[in-house]
Protein backbone atom coordinates (compact mmCIF):
# COMPACT_ATOMS: atom_id res chain seq x y z
CA MET A 1 0.00 0.00 0.00
CA LYS A 2 1.38 3.43 -0.99
CA ILE A 3 0.40 6.76 0.57
CA TYR A 4 1.23 9.90 -1.40
CA ALA A 5 1.89 13.04 0.65
CA ASN A 6 2.76 15.51 -2.15
CA LEU A 7 -0.19 17.89 -1.78
CA VAL A 8 1.34 21.12 -3.08
CA ALA A 9 -0.99 21.48 -6.02
CA MET A 10 -4.17 20.79 -4.02
CA PRO A 11 -6.56 23.52 -2.80
CA LEU A 12 -6.29 24.31 0.93
CA ASN A 13 -9.55 22.58 1.91
CA ILE A 14 -8.51 19.41 0.06
CA LYS A 15 -5.14 19.51 1.82
CA LEU A 16 -6.84 19.71 5.23
CA ILE A 17 -9.11 16.79 4.41
CA ALA A 18 -6.17 14.75 3.18
CA PHE A 19 -4.10 15.46 6.29
CA VAL A 20 -7.06 14.52 8.52
CA LEU A 21 -7.52 11.25 6.65
CA PHE A 22 -3.79 10.56 6.74
CA GLY A 23 -3.73 11.14 10.51
CA ALA A 24 -6.74 8.86 10.97
CA ILE A 25 -5.00 6.07 9.04
CA LEU A 26 -1.88 6.37 11.17
CA ALA A 27 -3.97 6.42 14.37
CA ALA A 28 -5.85 3.31 13.28
CA TRP A 29 -2.56 1.50 12.65
CA ALA A 30 -1.41 2.36 16.18
CA GLN A 31 -4.55 1.23 17.98
CA ASP A 32 -5.10 -2.07 19.77
CA PRO A 33 -7.86 -4.31 18.43
CA LYS A 34 -11.27 -3.99 20.07
CA ILE A 35 -14.02 -6.62 19.95
CA ASN A 36 -17.59 -5.30 20.10
CA PHE A 37 -19.25 -8.65 19.43
CA ILE A 38 -18.60 -11.95 17.70
CA GLU A 39 -20.68 -14.16 15.44
CA PRO A 40 -21.70 -16.74 16.38
CA ALA A 41 -21.68 -16.02 20.11
CA ALA A 42 -20.92 -19.67 20.87
CA ILE A 43 -18.73 -22.51 19.68
CA ALA A 44 -19.79 -26.14 19.67
CA PRO A 45 -18.10 -29.10 21.40
CA GLY A 46 -16.72 -31.67 18.98
CA LYS A 47 -16.92 -29.33 16.01
CA THR A 48 -15.02 -26.63 14.15
CA THR A 49 -16.70 -23.21 14.35
CA ARG A 50 -15.79 -20.28 12.13
CA ILE A 51 -16.19 -16.99 13.93
CA ALA A 52 -16.29 -13.37 12.78
CA LEU A 53 -15.05 -10.53 14.97
CA HIS A 54 -16.86 -7.19 14.84
CA GLY A 55 -15.13 -4.12 16.24
CA ASP A 56 -12.08 -1.96 15.59
CA ASN A 57 -8.84 -3.13 14.00
CA VAL A 58 -10.05 -6.73 13.76
CA GLU A 59 -10.73 -6.85 10.04
CA THR A 60 -7.70 -9.00 9.18
CA ASN A 61 -4.43 -10.37 10.48
CA TRP A 62 -5.57 -11.44 13.93
CA THR A 63 -5.12 -14.56 16.00
CA LEU A 64 -7.00 -15.70 19.08
CA TRP A 65 -6.05 -16.31 22.68
CA THR A 66 -8.58 -18.50 24.48
CA SER A 67 -9.16 -19.32 28.12
CA PHE A 68 -10.02 -22.92 27.19
CA ALA A 69 -8.31 -25.83 25.48
CA CYS A 70 -8.90 -25.83 21.72
CA GLU A 71 -7.26 -25.67 18.32
CA ALA A 72 -7.42 -22.10 17.01
CA ASN A 73 -6.46 -21.68 13.38
CA GLY A 74 -7.21 -18.23 12.00
CA ASP A 75 -10.95 -17.65 12.31
CA GLU A 76 -11.68 -21.31 13.09
CA ILE A 77 -11.90 -22.85 16.56
CA THR A 78 -12.03 -26.62 17.01
CA LEU A 79 -13.22 -28.03 20.33
CA GLY A 80 -12.94 -31.54 21.67
CA SER A 81 -16.16 -33.49 22.14
CA GLN A 82 -15.73 -33.46 25.93
CA ALA A 83 -15.65 -29.65 26.20
CA THR A 84 -17.95 -28.45 29.00
CA VAL A 85 -20.86 -26.15 28.16
CA GLY A 86 -20.45 -22.75 29.83
CA ILE A 87 -18.92 -19.27 29.59
CA ALA A 88 -15.34 -18.72 28.41
CA ALA A 89 -13.13 -15.86 27.20
CA ILE A 90 -11.10 -14.90 24.14
CA ARG A 91 -8.73 -12.11 23.13
CA ALA A 92 -7.87 -10.89 19.63
CA VAL A 93 -4.14 -10.50 19.04
CA THR A 94 -2.63 -8.53 16.15
CA PRO A 95 1.02 -7.69 15.43
CA LYS A 96 0.37 -4.28 16.99
CA GLY A 97 -1.67 -5.04 20.10
CA VAL A 98 -4.22 -7.08 22.01
CA SER A 99 -7.91 -6.63 22.74
CA SER A 100 -9.54 -6.73 26.14
CA PHE A 101 -11.23 -9.95 27.15
CA HIS A 102 -14.46 -10.87 25.38
CA LEU A 103 -16.85 -13.55 26.63
CA LEU A 104 -18.46 -16.28 24.55
CA MET A 105 -20.30 -19.54 25.14
CA ILE A 106 -19.36 -23.12 24.64
CA ASP A 107 -22.78 -24.48 23.70
CA ASP A 108 -24.13 -27.80 22.39
CA LEU A 109 -27.24 -26.15 20.92
CA PRO A 110 -27.17 -25.32 17.18
CA THR A 111 -26.99 -21.59 16.40
CA ILE A 112 -28.93 -19.31 14.07
CA LYS A 113 -28.96 -15.53 13.69
CA GLU A 114 -31.90 -13.30 14.49
CA SER A 115 -33.51 -12.28 11.19
CA GLY A 116 -33.66 -8.58 12.05
CA SER A 117 -37.18 -8.26 10.61
CA ASN A 118 -39.04 -9.96 13.46
CA GLN A 119 -40.37 -6.96 15.36
CA THR A 120 -44.05 -7.96 15.23
CA VAL A 121 -46.01 -11.13 15.87
CA ALA A 122 -46.97 -11.17 12.20
CA THR A 123 -43.30 -11.15 11.14
CA ALA A 124 -42.05 -13.45 13.92
CA GLN A 125 -39.01 -15.52 13.03
CA GLU A 126 -39.86 -19.22 12.95
CA ILE A 127 -37.59 -21.43 15.03
CA LYS A 128 -37.41 -25.20 15.52
CA PRO A 129 -36.12 -26.13 18.99
CA PRO A 130 -33.64 -27.21 20.15
CA ILE A 131 -31.96 -24.03 18.96
CA ALA A 132 -30.03 -20.95 20.11
CA ILE A 133 -30.55 -17.56 18.50
CA ASP A 134 -27.94 -14.80 18.52
CA GLY A 135 -29.72 -11.44 18.51
CA ALA A 136 -29.75 -7.89 19.79
CA CYS A 137 -32.47 -5.97 21.61
CA ASN A 138 -34.17 -3.06 19.85
CA ASP A 139 -34.81 0.23 21.60
CA LEU A 140 -38.16 0.87 19.90
CA ALA A 141 -39.42 -2.65 19.18
CA PHE A 142 -39.54 -6.21 20.54
CA ASP A 143 -38.12 -9.37 18.97
CA TYR A 144 -40.55 -12.22 18.24
CA PHE A 145 -39.89 -15.89 17.52
CA SER A 146 -42.57 -18.47 16.74
CA PHE A 147 -42.45 -22.19 17.48
CA ASN A 148 -44.84 -25.13 17.44
CA ALA A 149 -45.50 -27.23 20.50
CA LYS A 150 -47.55 -30.28 21.42
CA LYS A 151 -49.80 -30.31 24.46
CA GLY A 152 -47.73 -31.00 27.58
CA GLN A 153 -44.39 -30.44 25.84
CA GLU A 154 -41.87 -28.65 28.04
CA PHE A 155 -39.26 -26.14 26.90
CA SER A 156 -36.32 -24.65 28.78
CA ILE A 157 -35.87 -21.05 27.67
CA GLU A 158 -33.14 -18.68 28.78
CA ALA A 159 -31.54 -15.47 27.59
CA VAL A 160 -27.79 -15.46 28.15
CA ALA A 161 -26.93 -11.77 28.00
CA GLN A 162 -25.29 -10.16 31.02
CA ARG A 163 -23.53 -13.46 31.71
CA LEU A 164 -21.80 -12.83 28.37
CA GLY A 165 -20.90 -9.24 29.28
CA SER A 166 -23.86 -7.67 27.45
CA GLN A 167 -25.64 -4.54 28.69
CA ALA A 168 -29.05 -6.12 27.99
CA ASP A 169 -31.47 -6.57 30.89
CA THR A 170 -33.78 -9.00 29.15
CA VAL A 171 -37.46 -9.79 29.63
CA ILE A 172 -39.00 -12.82 27.93
CA ARG A 173 -42.67 -13.73 27.48
CA ILE A 174 -44.58 -16.61 25.93
CA ILE A 175 -47.79 -15.50 24.20
CA ASP A 176 -50.20 -16.71 21.53
CA ASP A 177 -51.38 -14.88 18.41
CA LYS A 178 -54.07 -13.14 20.51
CA ALA A 179 -51.40 -11.77 22.90
CA HIS A 180 -52.55 -14.03 25.73
CA GLU A 181 -49.59 -14.45 28.11
CA TYR A 182 -48.64 -17.95 29.24
CA ALA A 183 -45.25 -17.29 30.86
CA PHE A 184 -43.13 -14.30 31.86
CA CYS A 185 -39.66 -13.79 33.34
CA ASP A 186 -37.62 -10.70 34.08
CA ASP A 187 -34.73 -11.82 36.30
CA GLY A 188 -34.05 -15.53 36.64
CA PRO A 189 -32.89 -16.90 40.01
CA GLY A 190 -29.12 -17.15 40.33
CA VAL A 191 -28.27 -15.58 36.95
CA GLY A 192 -28.40 -11.85 37.71
CA ARG A 193 -30.59 -9.90 35.28
CA ASP A 194 -30.79 -12.67 32.68
CA SER A 195 -34.20 -14.24 32.04
CA ARG A 196 -35.05 -17.94 32.15
CA LEU A 197 -38.15 -20.10 32.54
CA ILE A 198 -39.71 -23.51 31.93
CA PHE A 199 -42.74 -23.41 29.62
CA LYS A 200 -45.21 -26.30 29.40
CA ALA A 201 -47.54 -25.99 26.43
CA PRO A 202 -51.20 -26.09 27.59
CA ALA A 203 -52.39 -27.13 24.12
CA THR A 204 -51.02 -28.14 20.75
CA GLY A 205 -50.38 -25.11 18.57
CA LYS A 206 -48.14 -22.18 17.73
CA TYR A 207 -46.61 -19.96 20.40
CA PHE A 208 -44.59 -16.78 20.28
CA LEU A 209 -41.49 -15.95 22.27
CA GLU A 210 -41.06 -12.22 22.92
CA VAL A 211 -37.70 -10.70 23.92
CA ARG A 212 -36.93 -7.10 24.90
CA ASP A 213 -34.73 -5.00 27.13
CA ILE A 214 -36.59 -3.91 30.25
CA ASN A 215 -35.28 -0.35 29.86
CA TYR A 216 -36.06 -0.23 26.13
CA GLN A 217 -32.42 -0.02 25.13
CA GLY A 218 -30.96 -1.58 22.01
CA GLY A 219 -28.01 -2.02 19.67
CA ASN A 220 -24.90 -4.19 19.60
CA GLN A 221 -24.15 -3.49 23.26
CA TYR A 222 -27.47 -5.15 24.08
CA ARG A 223 -26.95 -8.52 22.50
CA TYR A 224 -28.34 -11.80 23.81
CA ARG A 225 -28.13 -15.52 23.13
CA LEU A 226 -31.60 -17.05 23.39
CA ARG A 227 -31.45 -20.78 24.21
CA VAL A 228 -34.55 -22.94 23.63
CA GLY A 229 -34.51 -26.66 24.27
CA SER A 230 -34.99 -29.23 27.00
CA PHE A 231 -32.22 -28.86 29.56
CA PRO A 232 -31.87 -28.17 33.30
CA LEU A 233 -31.73 -24.54 34.37
CA LEU A 234 -28.87 -24.85 36.85
CA THR A 235 -28.08 -22.22 39.47
CA VAL A 236 -25.41 -22.82 42.09
CA PRO A 237 -23.81 -26.19 42.94
CA TYR A 238 -23.33 -27.35 46.52
CA PRO A 239 -20.81 -26.74 47.79
CA PRO A 240 -20.17 -23.67 45.63
CA ILE A 241 -16.46 -23.69 46.56
CA VAL A 242 -14.11 -26.64 46.91
CA PRO A 243 -10.48 -26.87 48.10
CA ALA A 244 -7.70 -27.15 45.53
CA GLY A 245 -5.82 -30.42 45.25
CA LYS A 246 -8.52 -32.53 46.95
CA THR A 247 -11.37 -34.64 45.63
CA SER A 248 -14.77 -33.20 46.57
CA GLU A 249 -18.33 -34.28 45.87
CA VAL A 250 -20.44 -31.54 44.31
CA THR A 251 -24.22 -31.75 43.99
CA LEU A 252 -26.15 -29.97 41.26
CA PRO A 253 -29.49 -29.46 43.09
CA GLY A 254 -32.20 -31.68 41.68
CA PHE A 255 -29.90 -33.50 39.28
CA LYS A 256 -26.74 -35.39 40.16
CA THR A 257 -23.58 -35.53 42.26
CA ILE A 258 -20.17 -35.36 40.62
CA LYS A 259 -16.61 -35.64 41.90
CA ILE A 260 -14.12 -32.82 41.31
CA CYS A 261 -10.39 -32.68 42.04
CA PRO A 262 -9.17 -29.24 40.91
CA ALA A 263 -5.51 -28.53 40.31
CA SER A 264 -3.70 -26.21 42.70
CA ASN A 265 -3.67 -23.42 40.10
CA SER A 266 -7.38 -23.68 39.25
CA ALA A 267 -9.76 -20.82 40.03
CA ARG A 268 -13.05 -22.07 38.59
CA ILE A 269 -14.33 -25.41 37.28
CA PRO A 270 -17.20 -25.34 34.73
CA VAL A 271 -19.84 -28.04 35.16
CA SER A 272 -22.80 -28.94 32.97
CA VAL A 273 -25.69 -31.41 32.88
CA ARG A 274 -27.01 -32.79 29.61
CA GLY A 275 -30.79 -32.72 29.17
CA LYS A 276 -33.00 -34.20 26.45
CA ALA A 277 -32.00 -31.38 24.10
CA GLY A 278 -29.14 -29.17 25.25
CA SER A 279 -27.23 -28.73 28.49
CA GLY A 280 -27.54 -26.59 31.58
CA PHE A 281 -24.37 -25.07 32.97
CA ALA A 282 -22.88 -23.67 36.18
CA SER A 283 -19.45 -23.50 37.79
CA VAL A 284 -17.62 -24.37 41.01
CA LEU A 285 -15.06 -22.01 42.54
CA VAL A 286 -11.73 -23.24 43.90
CA SER A 287 -10.15 -22.12 47.17
CA ASP A 288 -6.82 -22.52 48.93
CA LEU A 289 -8.50 -22.47 52.35
CA ASP A 290 -9.51 -25.39 54.55
CA GLU A 291 -13.09 -25.77 53.26
CA ALA A 292 -15.65 -27.58 55.42
CA LEU A 293 -19.34 -28.45 55.05
CA GLU A 294 -22.16 -27.63 57.43
CA LYS A 295 -23.44 -30.60 59.44
CA GLU A 296 -27.05 -30.62 60.57
CA PRO A 297 -28.43 -30.30 63.15
CA ASN A 298 -26.61 -27.13 64.19
CA ASP A 299 -29.36 -24.78 65.32
CA THR A 300 -28.55 -24.83 69.06
CA PHE A 301 -25.41 -23.82 70.92
CA ASP A 302 -24.72 -27.42 71.95
CA GLN A 303 -24.96 -28.52 68.29
CA ALA A 304 -22.94 -25.67 66.78
CA SER A 305 -20.37 -26.79 64.24
CA ILE A 306 -16.70 -25.87 64.72
CA LEU A 307 -15.53 -23.21 62.27
CA ARG A 308 -11.81 -22.98 61.59
CA GLN A 309 -11.50 -21.04 58.33
CA SER A 310 -14.34 -21.59 55.88
CA VAL A 311 -17.60 -23.52 55.73
CA CYS A 312 -20.36 -23.91 53.14
CA GLY A 313 -23.95 -24.49 54.16
CA GLN A 314 -27.56 -24.64 53.01
CA PHE A 315 -30.86 -23.37 54.33
CA GLN A 316 -32.68 -26.70 54.16
CA GLN A 317 -35.90 -25.85 55.94
CA GLN A 318 -37.96 -22.77 56.63
CA LYS A 319 -36.77 -20.66 59.56
CA ASP A 320 -33.51 -22.58 59.50
CA ARG A 321 -30.86 -21.32 61.91
CA ASP A 322 -27.23 -22.36 61.54
CA LEU A 323 -24.71 -21.85 64.35
CA PHE A 324 -20.92 -22.12 64.09
CA ARG A 325 -18.48 -21.96 67.00
CA PHE A 326 -15.07 -20.29 66.74
CA GLU A 327 -12.35 -19.09 69.09
CA ALA A 328 -10.95 -15.55 69.36
CA GLN A 329 -7.95 -14.28 71.28
CA LYS A 330 -7.92 -11.14 73.38
CA ASP A 331 -7.75 -8.04 71.15
CA GLN A 332 -7.71 -10.23 68.03
CA ARG A 333 -9.22 -8.58 64.96
CA LEU A 334 -11.26 -10.98 62.81
CA VAL A 335 -13.19 -10.66 59.55
CA ILE A 336 -16.35 -12.78 59.50
CA ALA A 337 -17.90 -12.79 56.01
CA ALA A 338 -20.92 -14.49 54.46
CA LYS A 339 -21.23 -14.84 50.67
CA THR A 340 -24.34 -15.78 48.68
CA ARG A 341 -25.18 -13.71 45.59
CA SER A 342 -21.56 -13.48 44.46
CA LEU A 343 -21.55 -17.30 44.34
CA GLY A 344 -24.72 -17.54 42.23
CA SER A 345 -26.90 -18.36 45.24
CA THR A 346 -30.42 -16.95 45.32
CA CYS A 347 -30.67 -16.15 49.03
CA ASP A 348 -29.61 -13.41 51.45
CA VAL A 349 -28.35 -14.04 54.96
CA MET A 350 -28.62 -12.34 58.32
CA LEU A 351 -25.29 -12.68 60.10
CA ASN A 352 -24.85 -12.11 63.83
CA ILE A 353 -21.92 -12.70 66.17
CA LEU A 354 -23.01 -13.98 69.56
CA LYS A 355 -21.16 -14.20 72.84
CA GLY A 356 -20.78 -17.46 74.72
CA ASP A 357 -23.89 -16.66 76.80
CA GLY A 358 -25.98 -16.21 73.63
CA SER A 359 -26.22 -12.42 73.74
CA LYS A 360 -25.62 -10.51 70.50
CA LEU A 361 -22.20 -8.89 70.14
CA VAL A 362 -22.49 -7.41 66.64
CA GLU A 363 -24.60 -7.85 63.50
CA ALA A 364 -23.82 -7.44 59.79
CA ASN A 365 -25.40 -4.97 57.41
CA VAL A 366 -26.92 -7.13 54.67
CA THR A 367 -27.98 -4.23 52.45
CA GLY A 368 -24.51 -3.49 51.12
CA ALA A 369 -22.41 -5.07 48.41
CA ASP A 370 -20.40 -6.94 51.05
CA GLU A 371 -23.34 -9.39 51.48
CA GLY A 372 -22.80 -9.51 55.22
CA THR A 373 -19.33 -8.82 56.56
CA ILE A 374 -18.27 -8.09 60.13
CA THR A 375 -14.85 -6.79 61.10
CA ASN A 376 -14.53 -6.90 64.87
CA THR A 377 -11.84 -6.60 67.54
CA PHE A 378 -12.65 -9.08 70.28
CA LYS A 379 -11.96 -7.50 73.66
CA GLU A 380 -12.00 -10.78 75.49
CA ALA A 381 -10.60 -14.19 74.64
CA GLY A 382 -13.14 -16.98 74.44
CA THR A 383 -15.69 -18.91 72.41
CA TYR A 384 -18.02 -17.03 70.09
CA PHE A 385 -20.78 -18.07 67.69
CA ALA A 386 -21.66 -17.02 64.15
CA GLU A 387 -25.42 -17.18 63.64
CA LEU A 388 -26.84 -17.33 60.10
CA GLU A 389 -30.48 -17.15 59.03
CA GLU A 390 -32.09 -16.65 55.64
CA LEU A 391 -33.44 -13.11 55.38
CA THR A 392 -36.98 -14.18 54.44
CA GLU A 393 -36.85 -17.38 56.53
CA SER A 394 -37.25 -19.40 53.31
CA ALA A 395 -35.51 -22.59 52.21
CA ARG A 396 -34.52 -24.12 48.87
CA PRO A 397 -31.77 -26.45 47.63
CA ASP A 398 -30.03 -23.51 45.94
CA PHE A 399 -30.12 -21.36 49.11
CA VAL A 400 -26.44 -21.92 49.80
CA TYR A 401 -23.81 -19.77 51.48
CA ARG A 402 -20.17 -19.64 52.40
CA LEU A 403 -18.95 -18.36 55.77
CA THR A 404 -15.33 -17.47 56.52
CA VAL A 405 -13.59 -16.37 59.73
CA LEU A 406 -10.09 -15.05 59.10
CA PRO A 407 -7.70 -12.78 60.99
CA LEU A 408 -7.33 -9.24 59.69
CA GLU A 409 -3.56 -8.98 59.48
CA LEU A 410 -1.38 -5.96 58.85
CA GLY A 411 -0.60 -5.61 55.19
CA PHE A 412 -2.07 -4.36 51.94
CA GLU A 413 -4.11 -5.20 48.84
CA LEU A 414 -3.02 -4.33 45.31
CA SER A 415 -5.05 -3.73 42.16
CA THR A 416 -5.00 -2.18 38.70
CA GLU A 417 -7.73 -0.93 36.38
CA GLN A 418 -5.89 -2.26 33.33
CA ASP A 419 -6.22 -5.75 31.85
CA LYS A 420 -3.70 -4.90 29.11
CA CYS A 421 -0.90 -2.47 28.35
CA GLU A 422 -0.08 -0.48 25.25
CA ALA A 423 3.53 0.13 24.24
CA LYS A 424 4.36 3.84 24.20
CA ASP A 425 7.79 5.31 23.66
CA GLY A 426 9.26 1.83 23.78
CA GLN A 427 7.79 0.86 27.16
CA PHE A 428 4.60 -0.25 28.89
CA THR A 429 2.97 1.65 31.75
CA LEU A 430 0.68 0.20 34.38
CA LYS A 431 -0.88 2.09 37.27
CA VAL A 432 -0.98 -0.02 40.44
CA SER A 433 -2.99 1.09 43.49
CA CYS A 434 -2.88 -0.21 47.04
CA THR A 435 -5.22 -0.33 50.00
CA ARG A 436 -3.23 -0.37 53.24
CA ARG A 437 -4.10 -2.16 56.46
CA GLN A 438 -2.13 -0.44 59.21
CA TYR A 439 1.06 -0.62 57.18
CA ASP A 440 2.60 2.56 55.73
CA GLY A 441 5.94 1.27 54.44
CA PRO A 442 7.19 0.79 50.86
CA ILE A 443 5.88 -2.01 48.62
CA THR A 444 8.11 -3.48 45.90
CA LEU A 445 6.40 -4.72 42.75
CA SER A 446 7.69 -7.61 40.67
CA VAL A 447 6.40 -9.22 37.51
CA SER A 448 6.44 -12.60 35.77
CA ASN A 449 8.73 -12.78 32.72
CA ALA A 450 10.99 -10.35 34.59
CA GLU A 451 14.06 -11.69 32.79
CA HIS A 452 12.69 -10.14 29.58
CA LEU A 453 11.74 -6.78 31.13
CA THR A 454 13.38 -3.80 32.81
CA LEU A 455 11.26 -2.30 35.62
CA ASP A 456 11.24 1.33 36.71
CA ASP A 457 9.13 3.04 39.37
CA ASN A 458 8.27 -0.38 40.76
CA VAL A 459 8.09 0.74 44.39
CA ILE A 460 4.98 2.23 45.98
CA PRO A 461 6.65 4.72 48.33
CA GLU A 462 6.08 4.93 52.04
CA LYS A 463 2.62 6.34 52.89
CA LYS A 464 1.69 6.52 49.18
CA ASN A 465 -1.12 4.53 47.59
CA GLU A 466 -0.07 4.12 43.97
CA THR A 467 2.70 4.09 41.41
CA VAL A 468 2.85 4.08 37.62
CA LEU A 469 4.99 1.07 36.86
CA LYS A 470 7.15 1.29 33.74
CA LEU A 471 8.12 -1.94 31.97
CA LYS A 472 10.64 -1.77 29.17
CA PRO A 473 10.96 -4.91 27.00
CA LYS A 474 14.45 -6.22 26.43
CA ASP A 475 15.66 -7.26 22.99
CA ASP A 476 14.70 -10.89 23.62
CA PHE A 477 11.06 -10.10 24.51
CA PRO A 478 8.73 -11.81 21.97
CA ARG A 479 7.56 -9.38 19.27
CA GLY A 480 4.01 -9.37 17.89
CA LYS A 481 2.87 -12.08 20.31
CA LEU A 482 0.65 -11.96 23.37
CA VAL A 483 2.34 -12.36 26.75
CA HIS A 484 0.27 -12.44 29.93
CA LEU A 485 1.99 -10.89 32.92
CA ARG A 486 1.17 -11.44 36.58
CA LEU A 487 2.34 -8.93 39.17
CA THR A 488 2.95 -9.21 42.87
CA GLY A 489 3.89 -6.82 45.65
CA GLU A 490 6.19 -7.61 48.54
CA ALA A 491 6.95 -5.80 51.79
CA LYS A 492 8.44 -6.45 55.21
CA VAL A 493 5.52 -6.02 57.63
CA GLY A 494 6.74 -6.33 61.16
CA GLU A 495 8.70 -9.57 61.32
CA LYS A 496 6.93 -11.09 58.30
CA THR A 497 7.51 -10.79 54.58
CA VAL A 498 4.10 -10.29 52.97
CA THR A 499 3.56 -11.11 49.28
CA THR A 500 0.29 -10.11 47.62
CA PRO A 501 -0.85 -10.53 43.99
CA VAL A 502 -2.02 -7.54 41.97
CA SER A 503 -5.71 -8.03 41.21
CA THR A 504 -7.31 -6.92 37.94
CA GLN A 505 -10.85 -7.13 39.33
CA PRO A 506 -11.33 -3.33 38.92
CA ALA A 507 -10.42 -3.74 35.23
CA LEU A 508 -12.80 -6.67 34.81
CA ARG A 509 -15.63 -4.82 36.56
CA LYS A 510 -15.04 -1.83 34.29
CA LEU A 511 -15.03 -4.10 31.25
CA PHE A 512 -18.11 -6.10 32.34
CA PRO A 513 -20.18 -3.71 34.51
CA LYS A 514 -23.33 -5.86 34.33
CA LEU A 515 -21.73 -9.28 34.76
CA PRO A 516 -23.33 -11.07 37.76
CA ILE A 517 -20.13 -12.90 38.77
CA LEU A 518 -16.70 -11.86 37.56
CA PRO A 519 -14.59 -14.60 35.90
CA VAL A 520 -12.06 -15.29 38.64
CA GLU A 521 -9.81 -17.24 36.26
CA LEU A 522 -9.04 -13.97 34.44
CA ASP A 523 -8.13 -12.06 37.59
CA GLY A 524 -4.49 -10.93 37.61
CA LEU A 525 -3.83 -11.40 33.88
CA VAL A 526 -2.34 -8.32 32.18
CA GLY A 527 -1.86 -8.72 28.43
CA VAL A 528 1.01 -7.09 26.56
CA VAL A 529 2.10 -7.18 22.92
CA VAL A 530 5.32 -5.60 21.73
CA PRO A 531 4.53 -4.41 18.17
CA LEU A 532 6.53 -5.85 15.31
């Protein structure tokens, strides 16, 4: 490609236009790729799927990084037949940069595209389940899909939208040609703002599936994957978290029990259950703590279970009360935290800390994003109890929780709002922030692949809360290829050397503001590409 810059003979206005266009071309060459959406939004186990990227600087000459095992060859992805249905991530890599993470599905349902002309019942797009439709909400109209059903036939229907990073807050309805409503769902249990339901046809005939955004928003930021088949609508497994390096039994409520032995470096294990037509999916988190399970009965002080670090439990009956006994030293500062919604559970807990005589010492605020966390300095040594109750006194198999009791030690937490770096002036820059816990000293940052990088400004100074880390690639750093860095911070806190990883959760939350549960397996990964 040749670009001619001899503009002497051109009129002034033509020169200005030409210079603007020339500058735009150069800017486009310098930019990282950006994925707005992909087609299809899912890849199939046991098959080769050709995908198309839509966005900026992804027209040609890109390769893919994937968070899952596969064979990626250009725009084709080949999965093994044993690939688990669920949510995964990709990145587009070009010789000049790398995109942010983009989420997609691994799905055993066949895929079709929304027709784009299905905004009325009369023009509804005909579908033949089992099927998945990739579409986008419209701001001024609804999307309609028609399907035939026999009396008594059951269909699992779900919109996978915010779970794929979309902005869409879907609503789905089942109606007939007279607009009589048979089923409705706004927010499905355990899946954030995504919609899901089971529809049983009351009579043989044609039905219409209506999809819209609850706030009447639309466009490519409001895309959805509509799954229609016969599969279980899974929520949260029990236990929702298992220890690394050990074999644990995990129950998918209402379906089956499986055995899982995650590797020590695992963060999340996808699980799925095959139905008559399609699969339901969920995931199990992995922990490096000593994870225990609640043992019933434990609703009286004499029956209270011993809590050492972490325990998972269920509200198995209405007005269930679970008690856990733990020890605290004099003036020891402990963090007692209950998690539900962030695990995919559909319940909320009331958390109280009780003294040995049964009187209440402190209670958690369950209205905040912390889901119920108490930080308390215990003035007296002794035995204390954590009391948990479901907020509405209800019970269901998916009303599960995790409770942890851990010491609040002196130290710090580190994070960055970047999931990738751009090379400028021959170096990368990365802003790292810290939250201090009664420690004001310096924190030294280090990075994986350090032998290929020179680090500057890698110390967060005493009593400061951030630094802009500069990473200069050495001559032997790979060019035009994606390298994922992981960063850690180290400091001498009292008599201990404390090492803490740099989290990218702020970057992931910025990238996926509507995502119900952040993908923990992506936390800490910072992508860099040194341009060719």
